[in-house]
Amino acid sequence: MKLHLVFEASLLPALKEALLEREYVVSGTDVTLEQFQIAVEAGSIEADTALVDGALGVNRSESVKLLKGIRVAAPDLRLIVILSSVDTQWVKELGMLGIYDVYMTEQFQLADIEHWLYSKKTLADVPEFGEQGVKRPAPPTPGTEVQFQQKPESKDSFKHHVQRLGNWMAQKREDARNRRTEAALKKLEEAEHQGDEELQELTEALEAEQPPAASLRFDFPKRAMAVGVIGLKPRSGTTHTVLALASAFAKEGMKVAAIECQLPDKSSDFASLAYPFTEQEGITLYPNVSPERIPALLALPFDLIVLDLGSAVEERASPAMSEWLRCDLQLAVLSAAPWDVRDALKNQTVSLLTNIRGYVLVNYADPDMFKETKELLEPFGVPVMNVPYAPNPFEGKSDWVAPLMPAKAPKKRRFAKTL
């Protein structure tokens, strides 16, 4: 692991020496955020992780602006930001830039750095977005700055402790993941079996229908509204959005099916994300559905069917894109991260949406980021909506899907011819 340090000049020598003693590679240092940004934009940073004093001679707005430029210039560089003051708004603004590893503390030791390096935070740790939020320490005394305290400790015993802690945490995560996956797959098999039975009953009922002797009358049966959801870039949150849509429509009293459209050789994203779904009525989930099975599922007696069609730029996206173009309502998902928006505009992916029958759904955006993304998409004339974020897609309000609700069904159409 190569590290880059961004701290005041008086703190750097002791911090660098302590890390080198632990056999870490310190590939570079900077003493201001401006200097660090210039180095990043010049492509001269060799590290994969940067430890940064986020308040190094700047206020909150300046810090966020500089770190945003750094994130855009180097999206793969992991940033661990340390703040000397308790400011949850500061942490939230950094979190919306994809900088989740933010710690509010006056002083830290080498053991703290080791812990930060080996435990990554996620969007769920950002205040007002995550379930747990950010841990808030006691307020600091006025005028304090980030300080590093060296604490002598046995090198061998510390390494052994870190290794044991890492192994224990990895095992706990693996056990929890296996339990969730096993329970989800069992529930999904039951749901799919139930759906197959409904399809069989519908087929038998249609075969049993006989026209009256005196006339021929053709009834146009009600068909489920098909909602196609496709990502403009990989990992835009398409599956999370599909589950959130299905949950919101079900809360509005609709009978909903969510279909994961992909080839069987890929693992199911539904299985890893949808384990709480079984607690909510009105949703049937179909994982790993191949393209040739979709027409049969669209004939099932649902009010609305949401199709998870993956990414539009993946190698095997042609069948998914064809299915998306046939849907009654077309939704395209885009992350509000600046580098994702930039790549989408650069690759002209959004040009596919010129005649879209629906919306571009913007994920992971606060009001300012959503406004900025909406302005960037204005030249394409694409309707844009913001997706309220919740770590659990089956929680939260449902009123945000009001513009997507299907219109009331017209009276059943009939064509009759008297013999």
Protein backbone atom coordinates (compact mmCIF):
# COMPACT_ATOMS: atom_id res chain seq x y z
CA MET A 1 0.00 0.00 0.00
CA LYS A 2 1.45 3.35 -1.10
CA LEU A 3 0.48 6.41 0.95
CA HIS A 4 0.51 10.13 0.22
CA LEU A 5 0.43 12.52 3.21
CA VAL A 6 -1.12 16.02 3.21
CA PHE A 7 -0.47 17.73 6.57
CA GLU A 8 1.20 20.83 7.92
CA ALA A 9 5.00 20.87 7.73
CA SER A 10 5.55 20.55 11.49
CA LEU A 11 3.55 17.31 11.68
CA LEU A 12 4.80 15.51 8.55
CA PRO A 13 8.28 14.29 9.71
CA ALA A 14 7.02 12.41 12.80
CA LEU A 15 4.03 10.97 10.93
CA LYS A 16 6.12 9.84 7.97
CA GLU A 17 8.78 8.28 10.22
CA ALA A 18 6.16 6.34 12.19
CA LEU A 19 4.56 4.95 9.03
CA LEU A 20 7.94 3.94 7.57
CA GLU A 21 8.70 2.03 10.78
CA ARG A 22 5.50 0.06 10.15
CA GLU A 23 6.87 -0.78 6.69
CA TYR A 24 4.39 1.40 4.81
CA VAL A 25 5.52 3.10 1.59
CA VAL A 26 5.13 6.89 1.69
CA SER A 27 5.40 7.93 -1.95
CA GLY A 28 4.96 11.69 -1.42
CA THR A 29 3.88 14.55 0.83
CA ASP A 30 2.25 17.97 0.48
CA VAL A 31 1.77 20.79 2.98
CA THR A 32 -1.34 22.43 1.44
CA LEU A 33 -4.50 21.21 -0.26
CA GLU A 34 -3.77 23.50 -3.24
CA GLN A 35 -0.35 21.90 -3.70
CA PHE A 36 -1.94 18.44 -3.48
CA GLN A 37 -4.58 19.33 -6.10
CA ILE A 38 -1.91 20.56 -8.53
CA ALA A 39 0.06 17.32 -8.09
CA VAL A 40 -3.06 15.21 -8.65
CA GLU A 41 -4.08 17.09 -11.80
CA ALA A 42 -0.52 16.75 -13.11
CA GLY A 43 -0.71 12.97 -12.64
CA SER A 44 2.34 12.86 -10.38
CA ILE A 45 0.70 11.01 -7.46
CA GLU A 46 1.92 7.40 -7.25
CA ALA A 47 -0.06 6.44 -4.14
CA ASP A 48 -3.34 4.53 -4.01
CA THR A 49 -4.40 6.10 -0.68
CA ALA A 50 -4.01 9.67 0.59
CA LEU A 51 -4.21 10.78 4.24
CA VAL A 52 -5.42 14.38 4.19
CA ASP A 53 -5.95 17.11 6.80
CA GLY A 54 -9.22 18.42 5.33
CA ALA A 55 -9.00 21.77 7.17
CA LEU A 56 -5.39 22.50 6.26
CA GLY A 57 -5.43 26.31 6.14
CA VAL A 58 -8.89 26.48 4.50
CA ASN A 59 -12.52 26.83 5.56
CA ARG A 60 -15.28 24.33 4.80
CA SER A 61 -16.34 25.64 1.39
CA GLU A 62 -12.75 25.97 0.18
CA SER A 63 -11.96 22.47 1.45
CA VAL A 64 -14.96 20.94 -0.33
CA LYS A 65 -14.11 22.77 -3.56
CA LEU A 66 -10.47 21.63 -3.53
CA LEU A 67 -11.32 18.03 -2.62
CA LYS A 68 -13.97 17.94 -5.35
CA GLY A 69 -11.32 18.92 -7.90
CA ILE A 70 -9.03 16.22 -6.53
CA ARG A 71 -11.80 13.59 -6.67
CA VAL A 72 -12.68 14.46 -10.29
CA ALA A 73 -9.01 14.38 -11.36
CA ALA A 74 -8.29 11.05 -9.59
CA PRO A 75 -11.54 9.09 -9.00
CA ASP A 76 -9.65 5.89 -8.12
CA LEU A 77 -7.50 7.50 -5.42
CA ARG A 78 -8.85 6.68 -1.95
CA LEU A 79 -9.04 9.78 0.25
CA ILE A 80 -9.01 9.52 4.06
CA VAL A 81 -9.89 12.98 5.35
CA ILE A 82 -9.32 14.09 8.94
CA LEU A 83 -11.23 17.10 10.33
CA SER A 84 -10.29 18.79 13.59
CA SER A 85 -13.82 20.14 14.19
CA VAL A 86 -17.22 18.50 14.55
CA ASP A 87 -19.14 19.56 11.43
CA THR A 88 -21.62 17.02 10.07
CA GLN A 89 -22.53 19.29 7.13
CA TRP A 90 -18.87 19.20 6.10
CA VAL A 91 -18.89 15.40 6.27
CA LYS A 92 -22.14 15.23 4.28
CA GLU A 93 -20.82 17.48 1.49
CA LEU A 94 -17.70 15.34 1.20
CA GLY A 95 -19.82 12.18 1.24
CA MET A 96 -21.84 13.40 -1.75
CA LEU A 97 -18.53 13.62 -3.65
CA GLY A 98 -17.86 9.95 -2.94
CA ILE A 99 -15.42 10.73 -0.11
CA TYR A 100 -16.77 8.54 2.69
CA ASP A 101 -13.65 7.98 4.85
CA VAL A 102 -13.98 11.16 6.92
CA TYR A 103 -13.03 11.26 10.61
CA MET A 104 -13.65 14.11 13.04
CA THR A 105 -10.97 14.14 15.73
CA GLU A 106 -8.49 16.55 17.31
CA GLN A 107 -5.74 13.99 17.85
CA PHE A 108 -4.92 10.60 16.42
CA GLN A 109 -2.33 7.89 16.90
CA LEU A 110 -0.70 5.37 14.63
CA ALA A 111 -3.22 2.72 15.72
CA ASP A 112 -6.02 5.01 14.48
CA ILE A 113 -4.38 5.32 11.07
CA GLU A 114 -4.02 1.53 10.85
CA HIS A 115 -7.72 1.16 11.64
CA TRP A 116 -8.72 3.76 9.02
CA LEU A 117 -6.60 2.08 6.35
CA TYR A 118 -8.16 -1.34 6.86
CA SER A 119 -11.82 -0.34 7.42
CA LYS A 120 -13.57 1.46 4.58
CA LYS A 121 -16.68 3.56 5.08
CA THR A 122 -19.61 3.71 2.64
CA LEU A 123 -22.45 6.07 1.77
CA ALA A 124 -24.38 4.52 4.68
CA ASP A 125 -21.97 6.30 7.07
CA VAL A 126 -22.78 9.79 5.72
CA PRO A 127 -25.03 11.88 8.04
CA GLU A 128 -28.72 11.99 7.01
CA PHE A 129 -28.10 9.28 4.38
CA GLY A 130 -26.89 6.28 6.35
CA GLU A 131 -28.75 4.33 8.99
CA GLN A 132 -26.00 4.80 11.52
CA GLY A 133 -24.46 8.09 10.41
CA VAL A 134 -21.05 9.32 11.44
CA LYS A 135 -19.79 8.82 14.96
CA ARG A 136 -19.56 12.22 16.61
CA PRO A 137 -16.81 12.67 19.21
CA ALA A 138 -16.91 15.27 21.98
CA PRO A 139 -16.64 18.90 20.75
CA PRO A 140 -13.02 20.11 20.56
CA THR A 141 -11.65 23.05 22.47
CA PRO A 142 -11.42 26.34 20.48
CA GLY A 143 -8.37 26.85 18.30
CA THR A 144 -7.35 23.17 18.09
CA GLU A 145 -5.70 21.60 15.06
CA VAL A 146 -5.15 18.04 13.93
CA GLN A 147 -2.33 16.53 16.01
CA PHE A 148 -0.46 13.24 15.72
CA GLN A 149 0.70 11.45 18.86
CA GLN A 150 3.30 8.70 18.64
CA LYS A 151 2.67 5.88 21.06
CA PRO A 152 5.43 3.28 21.48
CA GLU A 153 4.16 -0.22 20.87
CA SER A 154 5.67 -3.59 20.08
CA LYS A 155 5.91 -3.96 16.32
CA ASP A 156 5.28 -7.69 16.30
CA SER A 157 2.39 -7.59 18.77
CA PHE A 158 0.69 -4.79 16.84
CA LYS A 159 0.93 -6.65 13.53
CA HIS A 160 -0.44 -9.77 15.15
CA HIS A 161 -3.34 -7.80 16.62
CA VAL A 162 -4.18 -6.15 13.29
CA GLN A 163 -4.05 -9.51 11.50
CA ARG A 164 -6.35 -11.17 14.03
CA LEU A 165 -8.77 -8.23 13.92
CA GLY A 166 -8.81 -8.25 10.13
CA ASN A 167 -9.41 -12.01 9.97
CA TRP A 168 -12.23 -11.79 12.51
CA MET A 169 -13.97 -8.93 10.67
CA ALA A 170 -13.62 -10.68 7.31
CA GLN A 171 -15.11 -13.89 8.72
CA LYS A 172 -18.05 -12.04 10.30
CA ARG A 173 -18.82 -10.26 7.03
CA GLU A 174 -18.59 -13.52 5.07
CA ASP A 175 -20.89 -15.36 7.51
CA ALA A 176 -23.49 -12.58 7.40
CA ARG A 177 -23.33 -12.41 3.60
CA ASN A 178 -23.80 -16.18 3.30
CA ARG A 179 -26.81 -16.14 5.63
CA ARG A 180 -28.47 -13.30 3.72
CA THR A 181 -27.78 -14.88 0.34
CA GLU A 182 -29.12 -18.28 1.42
CA ALA A 183 -32.32 -16.77 2.83
CA ALA A 184 -32.83 -14.54 -0.22
CA LEU A 185 -32.36 -17.38 -2.72
CA LYS A 186 -34.87 -19.52 -0.82
CA LYS A 187 -37.47 -16.74 -0.84
CA LEU A 188 -36.83 -15.95 -4.50
CA GLU A 189 -37.32 -19.60 -5.49
CA GLU A 190 -40.67 -19.58 -3.68
CA ALA A 191 -41.67 -16.33 -5.39
CA GLU A 192 -40.69 -17.64 -8.83
CA HIS A 193 -42.60 -20.88 -8.23
CA GLN A 194 -45.67 -18.86 -7.26
CA GLY A 195 -45.33 -16.78 -10.44
CA ASP A 196 -45.11 -19.93 -12.62
CA GLU A 197 -48.32 -21.24 -11.04
CA GLU A 198 -50.10 -17.95 -11.81
CA LEU A 199 -48.94 -18.14 -15.43
CA GLN A 200 -50.25 -21.72 -15.71
CA GLU A 201 -53.63 -20.72 -14.28
CA LEU A 202 -53.90 -17.81 -16.73
CA THR A 203 -53.03 -20.09 -19.68
CA GLU A 204 -55.64 -22.67 -18.67
CA ALA A 205 -58.29 -19.97 -18.24
CA LEU A 206 -57.61 -18.55 -21.71
CA GLU A 207 -57.76 -22.01 -23.31
CA ALA A 208 -61.09 -22.71 -21.61
CA GLU A 209 -62.78 -19.61 -23.09
CA GLN A 210 -65.32 -20.38 -25.83
CA PRO A 211 -67.00 -17.73 -28.05
CA PRO A 212 -70.81 -17.42 -27.78
CA ALA A 213 -72.87 -19.08 -30.49
CA ALA A 214 -74.63 -15.91 -31.64
CA SER A 215 -71.67 -13.57 -32.05
CA LEU A 216 -67.92 -13.21 -32.11
CA ARG A 217 -66.60 -10.84 -29.45
CA PHE A 218 -62.94 -10.03 -28.96
CA ASP A 219 -61.92 -8.70 -25.53
CA PHE A 220 -58.56 -6.96 -25.25
CA PRO A 221 -57.28 -8.18 -21.84
CA LYS A 222 -55.55 -5.82 -19.49
CA ARG A 223 -51.78 -5.89 -19.88
CA ALA A 224 -49.26 -4.94 -17.22
CA MET A 225 -47.44 -1.66 -17.75
CA ALA A 226 -43.77 -2.41 -18.53
CA VAL A 227 -41.20 -0.09 -16.97
CA GLY A 228 -37.66 -0.53 -18.33
CA VAL A 229 -34.74 0.68 -16.20
CA ILE A 230 -31.24 0.83 -17.72
CA GLY A 231 -27.99 2.38 -16.44
CA LEU A 232 -26.08 4.92 -18.51
CA LYS A 233 -22.88 3.64 -16.86
CA PRO A 234 -21.98 0.49 -14.95
CA ARG A 235 -22.58 0.69 -11.17
CA SER A 236 -25.00 3.61 -11.50
CA GLY A 237 -27.31 2.02 -8.91
CA THR A 238 -29.71 0.46 -11.45
CA THR A 239 -30.67 -2.57 -9.35
CA HIS A 240 -31.09 -0.44 -6.20
CA THR A 241 -33.36 1.91 -8.18
CA VAL A 242 -35.46 -0.98 -9.58
CA LEU A 243 -36.11 -2.32 -6.08
CA ALA A 244 -36.92 1.17 -4.77
CA LEU A 245 -39.40 1.67 -7.66
CA ALA A 246 -41.04 -1.71 -7.05
CA SER A 247 -41.39 -0.96 -3.34
CA ALA A 248 -42.83 2.53 -3.94
CA PHE A 249 -45.37 1.28 -6.52
CA ALA A 250 -46.42 -1.53 -4.16
CA LYS A 251 -46.95 0.96 -1.33
CA GLU A 252 -49.30 2.83 -3.69
CA GLY A 253 -51.48 -0.29 -3.83
CA MET A 254 -50.23 -1.83 -7.08
CA LYS A 255 -49.38 -5.47 -7.72
CA VAL A 256 -45.77 -5.32 -8.92
CA ALA A 257 -43.20 -7.68 -10.41
CA ALA A 258 -39.48 -6.85 -10.57
CA ILE A 259 -37.51 -8.80 -13.20
CA GLU A 260 -33.71 -9.02 -13.31
CA CYS A 261 -32.82 -9.43 -16.98
CA GLN A 262 -29.42 -11.01 -17.50
CA LEU A 263 -27.80 -14.24 -18.64
CA PRO A 264 -27.69 -17.15 -16.16
CA ASP A 265 -23.87 -17.21 -16.08
CA LYS A 266 -23.87 -14.00 -14.02
CA SER A 267 -24.62 -13.95 -10.31
CA SER A 268 -27.87 -12.32 -9.21
CA ASP A 269 -27.72 -8.79 -7.81
CA PHE A 270 -31.27 -9.28 -6.52
CA ALA A 271 -30.03 -12.03 -4.21
CA SER A 272 -27.56 -9.71 -2.49
CA LEU A 273 -29.79 -6.60 -2.30
CA ALA A 274 -33.35 -7.81 -1.93
CA TYR A 275 -33.36 -9.90 1.23
CA PRO A 276 -35.74 -7.56 3.15
CA PHE A 277 -38.22 -7.58 0.25
CA THR A 278 -40.10 -10.59 1.53
CA GLU A 279 -41.46 -8.49 4.39
CA GLN A 280 -43.41 -6.29 1.94
CA GLU A 281 -46.61 -7.42 0.26
CA GLY A 282 -47.41 -6.73 -3.37
CA ILE A 283 -43.96 -7.51 -4.87
CA THR A 284 -42.87 -10.62 -6.77
CA LEU A 285 -39.21 -10.91 -7.69
CA TYR A 286 -37.76 -12.79 -10.68
CA PRO A 287 -33.94 -13.04 -10.63
CA ASN A 288 -31.61 -14.00 -13.51
CA VAL A 289 -34.25 -14.00 -16.27
CA SER A 290 -32.88 -14.67 -19.77
CA PRO A 291 -34.16 -12.46 -22.66
CA GLU A 292 -36.28 -15.23 -24.21
CA ARG A 293 -38.33 -15.61 -20.98
CA ILE A 294 -39.33 -11.94 -20.72
CA PRO A 295 -42.38 -12.04 -23.11
CA ALA A 296 -44.00 -14.83 -21.07
CA LEU A 297 -43.48 -12.94 -17.80
CA LEU A 298 -44.91 -9.74 -19.27
CA ALA A 299 -48.19 -11.63 -19.79
CA LEU A 300 -48.58 -12.32 -16.06
CA PRO A 301 -51.48 -10.61 -14.24
CA PHE A 302 -49.60 -7.73 -12.62
CA ASP A 303 -50.46 -4.04 -12.58
CA LEU A 304 -46.89 -3.06 -13.29
CA ILE A 305 -43.65 -4.87 -14.19
CA VAL A 306 -40.25 -3.24 -13.59
CA LEU A 307 -37.36 -4.58 -15.69
CA ASP A 308 -33.77 -4.32 -14.46
CA LEU A 309 -31.88 -4.20 -17.79
CA GLY A 310 -28.36 -3.57 -16.45
CA SER A 311 -25.99 -1.13 -18.16
CA ALA A 312 -26.35 0.28 -21.67
CA VAL A 313 -22.57 0.20 -22.23
CA GLU A 314 -21.84 -3.40 -21.26
CA GLU A 315 -20.69 -5.83 -23.95
CA ARG A 316 -23.95 -7.84 -23.84
CA ALA A 317 -26.29 -4.83 -23.67
CA SER A 318 -27.93 -5.26 -27.13
CA PRO A 319 -30.83 -7.52 -26.01
CA ALA A 320 -31.39 -5.36 -22.94
CA MET A 321 -31.45 -2.17 -25.01
CA SER A 322 -33.95 -3.73 -27.46
CA GLU A 323 -36.21 -4.68 -24.56
CA TRP A 324 -35.86 -1.19 -23.05
CA LEU A 325 -36.98 0.43 -26.31
CA ARG A 326 -40.15 -1.69 -26.26
CA CYS A 327 -41.17 -0.69 -22.71
CA ASP A 328 -44.14 1.59 -22.02
CA LEU A 329 -42.09 3.73 -19.63
CA GLN A 330 -38.34 4.13 -20.20
CA LEU A 331 -36.10 5.14 -17.29
CA ALA A 332 -32.33 5.67 -17.50
CA VAL A 333 -30.24 5.79 -14.31
CA LEU A 334 -27.20 8.05 -13.90
CA SER A 335 -25.04 8.59 -10.82
CA ALA A 336 -24.57 12.25 -9.91
CA ALA A 337 -20.86 11.74 -9.24
CA PRO A 338 -19.04 14.40 -11.34
CA TRP A 339 -16.84 11.83 -13.09
CA ASP A 340 -19.85 9.69 -14.08
CA VAL A 341 -21.71 12.68 -15.52
CA ARG A 342 -18.56 13.75 -17.35
CA ASP A 343 -18.03 10.30 -18.87
CA ALA A 344 -21.67 10.01 -19.92
CA LEU A 345 -21.51 13.36 -21.71
CA LYS A 346 -18.10 12.58 -23.21
CA ASN A 347 -19.25 9.20 -24.57
CA GLN A 348 -22.56 10.73 -25.71
CA THR A 349 -24.46 7.96 -23.95
CA VAL A 350 -27.29 10.37 -23.21
CA SER A 351 -27.77 10.93 -26.94
CA LEU A 352 -29.66 7.61 -26.88
CA LEU A 353 -32.35 9.38 -24.85
CA THR A 354 -33.43 11.93 -27.47
CA ASN A 355 -36.90 10.38 -27.83
CA ILE A 356 -37.15 8.74 -24.42
CA ARG A 357 -40.64 7.94 -23.15
CA GLY A 358 -39.77 8.63 -19.55
CA TYR A 359 -37.05 10.18 -17.37
CA VAL A 360 -33.39 10.16 -16.48
CA LEU A 361 -33.22 9.19 -12.79
CA VAL A 362 -30.30 10.78 -10.93
CA ASN A 363 -28.86 8.71 -8.07
CA TYR A 364 -26.80 9.69 -5.01
CA ALA A 365 -27.43 13.45 -5.34
CA ASP A 366 -28.05 16.20 -2.84
CA PRO A 367 -30.10 19.21 -4.08
CA ASP A 368 -27.04 21.10 -5.37
CA MET A 369 -25.61 18.08 -7.23
CA PHE A 370 -29.02 17.30 -8.74
CA LYS A 371 -29.40 20.88 -9.94
CA GLU A 372 -25.93 20.80 -11.49
CA THR A 373 -26.60 17.46 -13.23
CA LYS A 374 -29.99 18.66 -14.50
CA GLU A 375 -28.37 21.76 -16.03
CA LEU A 376 -25.75 19.60 -17.78
CA LEU A 377 -28.50 17.46 -19.34
CA GLU A 378 -30.69 20.40 -20.45
CA PRO A 379 -29.19 20.58 -23.99
CA PHE A 380 -30.48 17.03 -24.63
CA GLY A 381 -34.05 17.94 -23.69
CA VAL A 382 -34.32 14.98 -21.32
CA PRO A 383 -36.79 15.01 -18.38
CA VAL A 384 -34.84 14.49 -15.13
CA MET A 385 -35.92 13.19 -11.70
CA ASN A 386 -34.03 12.76 -8.45
CA VAL A 387 -34.13 9.36 -6.68
CA PRO A 388 -34.29 9.79 -2.88
CA TYR A 389 -31.49 7.67 -1.44
CA ALA A 390 -32.03 5.12 1.31
CA PRO A 391 -29.59 2.30 2.18
CA ASN A 392 -32.57 -0.08 2.23
CA PRO A 393 -34.53 0.37 -1.02
CA PHE A 394 -37.69 -0.99 0.62
CA GLU A 395 -37.83 1.82 3.17
CA GLY A 396 -38.79 5.45 2.73
CA LYS A 397 -41.74 7.32 1.26
CA SER A 398 -43.44 6.46 -2.02
CA ASP A 399 -44.73 9.88 -3.14
CA TRP A 400 -41.65 10.49 -5.32
CA VAL A 401 -42.99 8.03 -7.94
CA ALA A 402 -46.20 10.04 -8.48
CA PRO A 403 -45.07 11.34 -11.94
CA LEU A 404 -44.41 7.72 -13.00
CA MET A 405 -47.76 6.26 -11.95
CA PRO A 406 -49.76 4.81 -14.86
CA ALA A 407 -52.97 6.57 -15.84
CA LYS A 408 -56.26 5.00 -14.89
CA ALA A 409 -57.07 2.09 -17.14
CA PRO A 410 -59.66 2.87 -19.83
CA LYS A 411 -62.82 0.86 -20.11
CA LYS A 412 -62.31 -2.57 -21.61
CA ARG A 413 -62.40 -2.39 -25.38
CA ARG A 414 -64.57 -4.83 -27.30
CA PHE A 415 -65.10 -5.67 -30.91
CA ALA A 416 -68.30 -7.53 -31.66
CA LYS A 417 -69.61 -8.93 -34.90
CA THR A 418 -73.08 -10.43 -35.10
CA LEU A 419 -73.37 -13.61 -37.06
